[in-house]
Each structure stands twice: as structure tokens, then as C-alpha cells.
Amino acid sequence: MKIKAALHPAMEALTKDIQGLRTIPSHHNTNVKERIELLLGQLPRFPGHYLHIFNFSEGRVVYARGIEEVLGYPDEDFDLDLLFRIIHPEDASIVARLSECALEAMSKLCNPDSLQDLCLSLDYRLRKADGRYIRVLDQTSVFELDGATGTVHSAFSLCKDISGIKTSNTIGWQAHGFEFFNFQVPEGKAGQVVYRPTRRELEVLRKIAEGKGSRKIADELCISPLTVVTHRRNLLHRTGLKNVAQLIRHASALGWV
């Protein structure tokens, strides 16, 4: 079932960026689905969950499961064009920007120590085949590296319908394990985007709230002062706040500190 709605300009630009990563013909690995089935076929799919794998070099979804049960579209019809067309128009620009940042962050990876530590979590609204919108938590991580270059070859997304858990229309997100993730809340969008700090960011934030300086925090957490400064800067950019005082008030209100 194909969706004919116009593609949001932000999603159209993102599509071009992704297609620009293609490096080999789509017939390069003819047994990719069989190989993925071998790896994931026994993975349980819990109610309300679906998953898919996108191959960057081929520019296509190479595996999808559970799409029809959750969203109502046949698994074999699921591709980026369909996904981008069913994202809620009010969420599209933020989701596109976060996705662009994820692409940039992954492009900087080369033989990372642990793929399991890398994850972009993002929740937003999707339109089902029956026209209703649901809120989905999309957790995307690196699935496979290119054996020759050590760069990202494909990404794995595990998604869940969280409509019964979250009812607000804000977009929640977290980038875990990426050394570089250059996202800043767009002007005027701070109320639409809710950032969830990583464990390390929370550790730094709590010590900032205690009034400790960067060097003291670095010593206590066994990290460099520059890393502390980077965490502070990232927290301000990712929450859309102007200064540390605002950040502490925001953190206190949300129970982070």
C-alpha cells in the first residue's frame, strides 16, 4: 500500500542525503535477506513492536518485520519513502534534522569498540494505514560495519507503539554512545523537543548542580576537563536552553538532579 501524500521538504532533503551514500548496486548481496533471517529470525517480536534494517550503501530497506501488525502496511512495501510520508507533518522537520545528525555522527565512526553502545532513541508520530496517528519509539543502532573500511554499512531499528504510555505531542530523543552528535534545538522549537540525557551527562549535570567546577568534576568522574565542558555544551544545545542556570532549573523540574 503506497502513500501518495506529498513528501515534507525536510524529508525530501533527507532522502537525497541518504541516497547520496549509495556506493554499490542493489544486487551486490543477493542473499542479504537470508543472512539477516538467520541472525534475526529467532529474535522475538513483542506485541506493538516492529523492526527494519536499512542498508546505506544500497540505499534501501533490506529487511522489515511486524510493520503490518503495528502500522497496517505490508512488510514488503515498507521503505524510506513510505516512512517519510507517514511522519506527522508537525514532527517532520525535527525528525529529519535529528536523522541528519545521526548520519553525520555515523559517518565519523570507524571500527567502534562496541556497536551495542551506539543508539539514537527518538519518539514521534506516524500515520497508520487506517489514517490514525500513533506515537512510536524508534531505537536505531549500527547493525553492520563495512569489512574493508570499518564504516557503517547498515542500521537496525527496533520500534514500539508507545501511544498508551506517552500522550503529549513533544518529540523525545537521546543519542547514546556517539562521540559527535551535533544537534541544536531550532529557534522557537524548544517546547516541541524533549531531550533525555545519557547516564554520563546526568552524572556531570548533577555535579554541576552541586556547584563543582569542570576540573573537580573531571577528577571525580575520571574524565578530562574538556569532556566535562563538552557535556555541558551538549546539554545546553540539546535542551535548547541558554545558560547553566536555566539548565539546572530545567533539570530540577524534571527530576534529573
Protein backbone atom coordinates (compact mmCIF):
# COMPACT_ATOMS: atom_id res chain seq x y z
CA MET A 1 0.00 0.00 0.00
CA LYS A 2 1.74 3.18 -1.19
CA ILE A 3 1.12 6.56 0.38
CA LYS A 4 0.67 9.32 -2.22
CA ALA A 5 0.78 12.32 0.16
CA ALA A 6 3.34 14.99 -0.66
CA LEU A 7 6.72 14.48 0.93
CA HIS A 8 7.65 17.09 3.55
CA PRO A 9 10.54 19.28 2.23
CA ALA A 10 12.73 18.28 5.19
CA MET A 11 12.14 14.61 4.44
CA GLU A 12 12.80 15.16 0.74
CA ALA A 13 16.19 16.69 1.59
CA LEU A 14 16.97 13.82 3.98
CA THR A 15 16.10 11.30 1.27
CA LYS A 16 18.60 12.93 -1.09
CA ASP A 17 21.29 12.84 1.62
CA ILE A 18 20.69 9.13 2.24
CA GLN A 19 20.60 8.23 -1.45
CA GLY A 20 23.89 10.07 -1.81
CA LEU A 21 25.50 7.40 0.37
CA ARG A 22 24.87 4.66 -2.17
CA THR A 23 28.10 3.09 -3.35
CA ILE A 24 27.20 -0.28 -4.85
CA PRO A 25 24.38 -1.72 -6.97
CA SER A 26 21.40 -3.09 -5.08
CA HIS A 27 22.15 -6.63 -6.38
CA HIS A 28 25.55 -6.63 -4.61
CA ASN A 29 24.44 -9.09 -1.94
CA THR A 30 21.63 -11.25 -3.25
CA ASN A 31 21.36 -13.39 -0.11
CA VAL A 32 21.18 -10.47 2.35
CA LYS A 33 17.62 -11.29 3.43
CA GLU A 34 18.51 -14.93 4.08
CA ARG A 35 21.56 -13.87 6.07
CA ILE A 36 19.55 -11.43 8.18
CA GLU A 37 16.80 -14.01 8.70
CA LEU A 38 19.48 -16.32 10.07
CA LEU A 39 20.61 -13.61 12.51
CA LEU A 40 17.22 -12.17 13.48
CA GLY A 41 14.73 -14.88 12.63
CA GLN A 42 14.70 -16.20 16.20
CA LEU A 43 14.53 -12.74 17.78
CA PRO A 44 11.13 -12.46 19.47
CA ARG A 45 8.90 -9.63 18.33
CA PHE A 46 6.81 -8.49 21.25
CA PRO A 47 3.30 -7.02 20.81
CA GLY A 48 3.37 -3.49 19.45
CA HIS A 49 6.92 -3.85 18.10
CA TYR A 50 8.29 -3.86 14.57
CA LEU A 51 11.80 -3.76 13.17
CA HIS A 52 13.66 -2.96 9.98
CA ILE A 53 17.21 -2.77 8.63
CA PHE A 54 18.40 -0.11 6.21
CA ASN A 55 21.49 -0.68 4.07
CA PHE A 56 23.20 2.67 3.40
CA SER A 57 25.41 1.57 0.55
CA GLU A 58 22.46 0.05 -1.33
CA GLY A 59 20.07 2.83 -0.33
CA ARG A 60 17.20 0.55 0.62
CA VAL A 61 15.41 -1.29 3.40
CA VAL A 62 16.69 -4.85 3.20
CA TYR A 63 14.61 -6.38 5.98
CA ALA A 64 11.30 -5.50 7.67
CA ARG A 65 9.12 -7.41 10.11
CA GLY A 66 5.98 -6.54 12.07
CA ILE A 67 5.12 -3.44 10.02
CA GLU A 68 1.70 -4.74 9.02
CA GLU A 69 0.74 -5.76 12.56
CA VAL A 70 1.58 -2.34 14.03
CA LEU A 71 1.10 0.16 11.19
CA GLY A 72 -1.12 -1.74 8.76
CA TYR A 73 1.22 -1.61 5.74
CA PRO A 74 2.57 -4.86 4.23
CA ASP A 75 6.11 -5.61 5.34
CA GLU A 76 7.24 -5.91 1.72
CA ASP A 77 6.02 -2.35 0.95
CA PHE A 78 8.00 -0.73 3.75
CA ASP A 79 10.72 1.61 2.56
CA LEU A 80 12.04 5.07 3.42
CA ASP A 81 9.62 6.77 1.04
CA LEU A 82 6.70 5.22 2.88
CA LEU A 83 8.17 6.00 6.30
CA PHE A 84 8.91 9.62 5.46
CA ARG A 85 5.41 10.17 4.03
CA ILE A 86 3.61 8.95 7.15
CA ILE A 87 5.56 11.02 9.69
CA HIS A 88 3.29 13.68 11.18
CA PRO A 89 3.88 17.00 9.34
CA GLU A 90 4.46 18.81 12.64
CA ASP A 91 7.22 16.33 13.57
CA ALA A 92 8.88 16.02 10.16
CA SER A 93 11.42 18.88 10.33
CA ILE A 94 12.76 17.85 13.76
CA VAL A 95 12.89 14.14 12.87
CA ALA A 96 14.70 14.99 9.63
CA ARG A 97 17.26 17.16 11.42
CA LEU A 98 17.93 14.52 14.08
CA SER A 99 18.29 11.89 11.36
CA GLU A 100 20.77 14.09 9.51
CA CYS A 101 22.79 14.47 12.72
CA ALA A 102 22.74 10.68 13.16
CA LEU A 103 24.04 10.21 9.61
CA GLU A 104 26.81 12.72 10.29
CA ALA A 105 27.69 11.02 13.59
CA MET A 106 27.79 7.58 12.00
CA SER A 107 29.95 8.86 9.13
CA LYS A 108 32.63 9.72 11.71
CA LEU A 109 32.69 6.20 13.12
CA CYS A 110 35.45 3.80 12.15
CA ASN A 111 35.60 0.36 13.78
CA PRO A 112 33.88 1.48 17.02
CA ASP A 113 34.71 -0.63 20.08
CA SER A 114 31.12 -1.63 20.81
CA LEU A 115 28.21 -1.37 18.39
CA GLN A 116 25.81 -2.11 21.24
CA ASP A 117 26.67 1.21 22.90
CA LEU A 118 25.54 3.26 19.90
CA CYS A 119 21.86 4.15 19.79
CA LEU A 120 19.61 7.02 18.70
CA SER A 121 16.27 6.89 20.52
CA LEU A 122 13.53 9.03 19.05
CA ASP A 123 9.77 9.14 19.56
CA TYR A 124 7.39 10.80 17.13
CA ARG A 125 4.02 10.33 15.43
CA LEU A 126 3.30 8.05 12.47
CA ARG A 127 0.12 7.64 10.43
CA LYS A 128 -1.24 4.11 10.23
CA ALA A 129 -2.84 2.68 7.11
CA ASP A 130 -6.29 3.45 8.56
CA GLY A 131 -5.41 7.15 8.88
CA ARG A 132 -4.94 7.24 12.67
CA TYR A 133 -1.72 8.55 14.19
CA ILE A 134 0.21 6.65 16.83
CA ARG A 135 3.33 7.57 18.76
CA VAL A 136 6.31 5.34 18.06
CA LEU A 137 9.59 4.94 19.95
CA ASP A 138 12.27 4.28 17.33
CA GLN A 139 15.62 2.99 18.63
CA THR A 140 18.23 2.82 15.89
CA SER A 141 21.73 1.43 16.15
CA VAL A 142 24.53 0.30 13.86
CA PHE A 143 23.86 -3.21 12.58
CA GLU A 144 26.87 -3.93 10.38
CA LEU A 145 30.22 -2.37 9.51
CA ASP A 146 31.95 -2.50 6.16
CA GLY A 147 34.66 -5.13 6.50
CA ALA A 148 37.17 -3.21 4.39
CA THR A 149 36.73 0.34 5.71
CA GLY A 150 35.23 -0.13 9.19
CA THR A 151 32.49 2.38 8.36
CA VAL A 152 28.76 1.92 8.90
CA HIS A 153 27.17 -0.39 6.34
CA SER A 154 23.65 -0.80 7.74
CA ALA A 155 21.45 0.33 10.63
CA PHE A 156 18.94 -1.63 12.71
CA SER A 157 15.74 -0.01 14.01
CA LEU A 158 13.56 -1.52 16.73
CA CYS A 159 10.29 0.39 17.07
CA LYS A 160 7.38 0.23 19.52
CA ASP A 161 3.92 1.76 19.67
CA ILE A 162 4.01 3.84 22.88
CA SER A 163 0.70 5.65 22.38
CA GLY A 164 -0.60 4.21 25.64
CA ILE A 165 2.48 5.40 27.53
CA LYS A 166 3.09 8.88 26.12
CA THR A 167 0.24 11.17 25.11
CA SER A 168 1.98 14.53 24.63
CA ASN A 169 2.98 15.75 21.17
CA THR A 170 6.58 16.54 22.09
CA ILE A 171 9.42 14.73 20.34
CA GLY A 172 11.69 12.90 22.77
CA TRP A 173 15.23 11.85 21.86
CA GLN A 174 18.58 10.63 23.12
CA ALA A 175 21.89 9.95 21.36
CA HIS A 176 23.84 7.35 23.32
CA GLY A 177 27.45 6.37 22.68
CA PHE A 178 28.18 8.82 19.84
CA GLU A 179 31.24 10.96 20.40
CA PHE A 180 29.89 13.52 17.93
CA PHE A 181 26.20 14.37 17.64
CA ASN A 182 25.81 17.96 16.55
CA PHE A 183 22.12 18.68 17.17
CA GLN A 184 20.88 22.02 18.43
CA VAL A 185 17.21 22.74 19.04
CA PRO A 186 15.99 25.06 16.24
CA GLU A 187 14.89 28.54 17.23
CA GLY A 188 11.34 28.51 18.55
CA LYS A 189 11.18 24.70 18.81
CA ALA A 190 12.38 24.24 22.40
CA GLY A 191 8.88 23.37 23.61
CA GLN A 192 8.44 20.74 20.91
CA VAL A 193 11.61 18.77 21.62
CA VAL A 194 12.44 16.97 24.87
CA TYR A 195 15.97 15.67 25.31
CA ARG A 196 16.71 12.70 27.59
CA PRO A 197 20.31 12.93 28.88
CA THR A 198 22.61 9.92 28.83
CA ARG A 199 23.88 8.38 32.06
CA ARG A 200 27.22 10.20 31.79
CA GLU A 201 25.54 13.52 31.03
CA LEU A 202 23.38 13.08 34.12
CA GLU A 203 26.46 12.41 36.24
CA VAL A 204 28.07 15.62 35.00
CA LEU A 205 24.84 17.58 35.38
CA ARG A 206 24.35 16.51 38.98
CA LYS A 207 27.85 17.64 39.88
CA ILE A 208 27.31 20.96 38.11
CA ALA A 209 24.17 21.36 40.21
CA GLU A 210 26.34 20.84 43.30
CA GLY A 211 28.36 23.88 42.23
CA LYS A 212 31.52 21.99 41.25
CA GLY A 213 33.85 23.27 38.54
CA SER A 214 34.96 21.39 35.44
CA ARG A 215 38.32 20.26 36.85
CA LYS A 216 36.76 18.96 40.08
CA ILE A 217 34.06 17.11 38.13
CA ALA A 218 36.68 15.66 35.81
CA ASP A 219 38.73 14.35 38.73
CA GLU A 220 35.72 12.76 40.41
CA LEU A 221 34.44 11.10 37.22
CA CYS A 222 37.91 10.21 35.88
CA ILE A 223 37.39 12.09 32.64
CA SER A 224 39.13 15.14 31.14
CA PRO A 225 38.02 18.73 31.89
CA LEU A 226 37.46 19.15 28.15
CA THR A 227 34.99 16.25 28.22
CA VAL A 228 33.11 17.94 31.06
CA VAL A 229 32.93 21.16 29.04
CA THR A 230 31.69 19.19 26.02
CA HIS A 231 28.94 17.54 28.07
CA ARG A 232 27.85 20.93 29.43
CA ARG A 233 27.77 22.45 25.94
CA ASN A 234 25.87 19.47 24.52
CA LEU A 235 23.27 19.63 27.29
CA LEU A 236 22.60 23.30 26.56
CA HIS A 237 22.38 22.76 22.80
CA ARG A 238 20.25 19.63 23.04
CA THR A 239 17.77 21.07 25.52
CA GLY A 240 17.58 24.45 23.77
CA LEU A 241 18.44 26.33 26.98
CA LYS A 242 20.55 29.49 27.15
CA ASN A 243 22.73 29.05 30.23
CA VAL A 244 23.63 26.72 33.10
CA ALA A 245 21.17 28.39 35.49
CA GLN A 246 18.29 27.58 33.12
CA LEU A 247 19.67 24.07 32.69
CA ILE A 248 19.72 23.42 36.43
CA ARG A 249 16.16 24.72 36.85
CA HIS A 250 15.03 22.56 33.94
CA ALA A 251 16.84 19.51 35.35
CA SER A 252 15.33 20.06 38.79
CA ALA A 253 11.82 20.38 37.38
CA LEU A 254 12.21 17.08 35.51
CA GLY A 255 13.80 15.26 38.45
CA TRP A 256 17.20 14.82 36.82
CA VAL A 257 19.02 16.29 39.81
